[in-house]
Protein backbone atom coordinates (compact mmCIF):
# COMPACT_ATOMS: atom_id res chain seq x y z
CA MET A 1 0.00 0.00 0.00
CA ASN A 2 1.27 3.44 -0.90
CA LEU A 3 -0.51 6.60 0.26
CA SER A 4 -0.32 9.53 -2.16
CA LEU A 5 1.54 12.56 -0.83
CA ASP A 6 0.03 14.76 -3.57
CA LYS A 7 -3.54 13.78 -2.70
CA LEU A 8 -2.90 14.27 1.01
CA ASN A 9 -1.27 17.67 0.62
CA ALA A 10 -4.19 18.79 -1.54
CA LYS A 11 -6.54 18.11 1.41
CA CYS A 12 -4.39 18.84 4.47
CA PRO A 13 -4.08 22.22 6.20
CA TYR A 14 -0.47 21.33 7.08
CA GLN A 15 2.19 20.38 4.54
CA LEU A 16 3.04 16.68 4.89
CA ILE A 17 6.48 15.23 4.26
CA LYS A 18 6.58 11.59 3.15
CA LEU A 19 8.85 9.41 5.31
CA THR A 20 7.78 5.98 3.98
CA ASP A 21 4.95 4.69 1.77
CA MET A 22 2.59 4.96 4.74
CA THR A 23 4.24 7.42 7.15
CA PHE A 24 4.29 11.22 7.04
CA ALA A 25 5.55 14.10 9.16
CA PHE A 26 4.14 17.59 9.63
CA LEU A 27 4.68 20.70 11.74
CA THR A 28 1.73 22.50 13.36
CA ASP A 29 1.26 26.26 13.70
CA GLN A 30 2.25 25.81 17.37
CA GLY A 31 5.60 24.32 16.34
CA VAL A 32 4.74 20.74 17.32
CA HIS A 33 6.24 18.02 15.07
CA TYR A 34 4.00 15.03 14.37
CA LYS A 35 4.37 11.70 12.63
CA ILE A 36 1.23 10.06 11.30
CA GLY A 37 0.67 6.86 9.40
CA PHE A 38 0.24 3.11 9.45
CA ARG A 39 2.30 0.01 10.20
CA GLN A 40 1.20 -3.38 8.98
CA ASP A 41 -0.04 -5.60 11.80
CA ILE A 42 0.75 -9.31 11.82
CA TYR A 43 -0.65 -10.18 15.25
CA PHE A 44 -4.25 -9.19 14.66
CA MET A 45 -4.55 -10.46 11.06
CA ARG A 46 -2.00 -11.88 8.66
CA GLU A 47 -2.85 -9.33 5.96
CA GLY A 48 -5.02 -6.28 5.47
CA ALA A 49 -4.72 -4.87 8.99
CA TYR A 50 -2.68 -1.82 9.89
CA HIS A 51 -1.92 -0.01 13.13
CA PHE A 52 -2.70 3.67 12.88
CA PHE A 53 -0.47 6.04 14.82
CA ILE A 54 -0.08 9.74 15.39
CA ASN A 55 2.57 11.01 17.74
CA ASN A 56 5.09 13.71 18.31
CA SER A 57 8.65 12.67 18.96
CA GLU A 58 9.35 15.55 21.33
CA GLY A 59 6.40 14.65 23.58
CA GLU A 60 5.17 18.23 23.32
CA HIS A 61 1.57 19.05 24.17
CA GLY A 62 0.18 22.09 22.45
CA SER A 63 -3.30 23.45 22.88
CA TYR A 64 -6.17 21.92 20.91
CA ASP A 65 -5.60 22.28 17.18
CA PRO A 66 -8.60 21.52 14.92
CA LYS A 67 -6.30 21.35 11.89
CA ILE A 68 -4.88 18.08 13.23
CA VAL A 69 -8.34 16.50 12.90
CA ASP A 70 -8.35 17.57 9.24
CA VAL A 71 -4.96 15.87 8.74
CA VAL A 72 -6.22 12.69 10.41
CA ILE A 73 -9.37 12.64 8.27
CA ALA A 74 -7.38 13.17 5.06
CA VAL A 75 -4.99 10.33 5.96
CA LEU A 76 -7.88 8.00 6.83
CA GLU A 77 -9.66 8.80 3.56
CA GLU A 78 -6.53 8.06 1.54
CA PHE A 79 -5.98 4.84 3.51
CA PHE A 80 -9.52 3.50 3.09
CA ASP A 81 -9.63 4.47 -0.60
CA GLN A 82 -6.72 2.09 -1.28
CA GLU A 83 -8.17 -1.38 -0.65
CA PRO A 84 -10.42 -3.15 1.85
CA SER A 85 -8.27 -2.71 4.93
CA VAL A 86 -8.75 -2.62 8.67
CA MET A 87 -7.31 0.07 10.89
CA LEU A 88 -6.33 -1.07 14.37
CA TYR A 89 -5.34 1.24 17.19
CA ILE A 90 -4.07 0.76 20.72
CA CYS A 91 -3.84 3.90 22.84
CA ASP A 92 -0.39 4.36 24.35
CA PRO A 93 -0.62 4.22 28.16
CA THR A 94 2.96 5.30 28.99
CA ASP A 95 1.96 8.80 30.12
CA ASN A 96 -1.45 7.80 31.57
CA ARG A 97 -3.26 9.72 28.79
CA GLN A 98 -4.74 6.65 27.09
CA ALA A 99 -8.33 7.58 27.99
CA ALA A 100 -7.86 11.02 26.39
CA ARG A 101 -6.42 9.34 23.29
CA ASN A 102 -9.41 7.03 23.15
CA ARG A 103 -11.75 10.03 23.30
CA LEU A 104 -9.82 11.55 20.37
CA TYR A 105 -10.27 8.37 18.31
CA ASN A 106 -13.98 8.49 19.03
CA MET A 107 -14.14 12.16 18.06
CA TRP A 108 -12.28 11.44 14.80
CA TYR A 109 -14.66 8.58 14.14
CA GLN A 110 -17.65 10.88 14.62
CA ALA A 111 -16.10 13.43 12.24
CA TYR A 112 -15.14 10.91 9.59
CA ALA A 113 -16.78 7.52 9.68
CA PHE A 114 -20.52 8.16 9.53
CA SER A 115 -20.26 9.93 6.20
CA HIS A 116 -18.00 7.20 4.81
CA GLN A 117 -19.95 4.09 5.87
CA MET A 118 -17.43 3.06 8.52
CA THR A 119 -17.80 1.00 11.66
CA LEU A 120 -15.75 1.46 14.81
CA PHE A 121 -15.46 -1.34 17.35
CA SER A 122 -13.63 -0.35 20.49
CA ASP A 123 -13.05 -1.80 23.89
CA SER A 124 -10.65 -1.74 26.80
CA VAL A 125 -8.51 -4.36 28.49
CA THR A 126 -7.05 -4.00 31.97
CA MET A 127 -3.72 -5.66 32.60
CA ASP A 128 -1.58 -5.22 35.71
CA GLY A 129 -3.75 -2.29 36.80
CA VAL A 130 -3.34 -0.43 33.49
CA THR A 131 -6.29 0.07 31.14
CA TYR A 132 -5.49 -0.26 27.44
CA TYR A 133 -7.96 1.12 24.92
CA ALA A 134 -8.08 -0.52 21.51
CA GLY A 135 -10.30 -0.45 18.48
CA ILE A 136 -10.71 -1.28 14.83
CA LEU A 137 -12.18 0.79 12.05
CA MET A 138 -13.38 -0.71 8.78
CA ARG A 139 -15.91 -0.13 6.05
CA HIS A 140 -19.42 -1.55 6.59
CA ASP A 141 -19.09 -3.40 3.30
CA HIS A 142 -15.70 -5.00 4.01
CA PRO A 143 -15.83 -8.46 2.39
CA ARG A 144 -14.52 -10.11 5.58
CA HIS A 145 -16.55 -8.02 8.05
CA ASP A 146 -17.79 -10.85 10.30
CA GLU A 147 -14.46 -12.69 10.24
CA ILE A 148 -12.68 -9.49 11.29
CA LEU A 149 -15.07 -8.93 14.18
CA GLN A 150 -14.36 -12.46 15.43
CA ALA A 151 -10.61 -11.87 15.03
CA TYR A 152 -10.92 -8.61 16.99
CA GLN A 153 -12.73 -10.34 19.86
CA GLU A 154 -9.98 -12.99 19.91
CA PHE A 155 -7.33 -10.26 19.79
CA LEU A 156 -8.86 -8.62 22.88
CA ARG A 157 -9.11 -11.95 24.68
CA LEU A 158 -5.44 -12.71 24.01
CA PHE A 159 -4.19 -9.14 24.38
CA PRO A 160 -2.50 -9.58 27.79
CA GLN A 161 -0.66 -12.71 26.63
CA ARG A 162 0.42 -11.22 23.29
CA TYR A 163 1.39 -7.89 24.80
CA ARG A 164 3.73 -9.58 27.26
CA ILE A 165 5.31 -11.61 24.46
CA ARG A 166 5.89 -8.49 22.35
CA ALA A 167 7.19 -6.46 25.31
CA LYS A 168 10.02 -8.92 26.04
């Protein structure tokens, strides 16, 4: 999969710089550097599933910036226009802001998914006293819709075991 830099920059309020086929960087008006994109997931599904991420390497927290939502929506549109894929997210708990991140995903879903026939399935898993929020986003008409839902439920069930294996 290769996301088009030209298409994205035509839609985005911030100029994106392509780092890989599916990863981009941008600088906000507040001077915060972000990376946004997808990594293929092999634990959830063997093919067709990608982890979405957006982060800033400096760990800076600016004030709310509605332009970032526009960047996220443009990236999601380009991603879901490519092929029938599944977006998986797990909210990073390292700074105890995972609940806020989960609220952002839900806000982005509300802004994007209803008008694009998307379905969000999200849940949380508590492990060692830490709550992890996770979810998947896919088109309603995905040809493997029911199979993916079953795989997601299994992913959540096995999350503590798989997370420990990956963390070692």
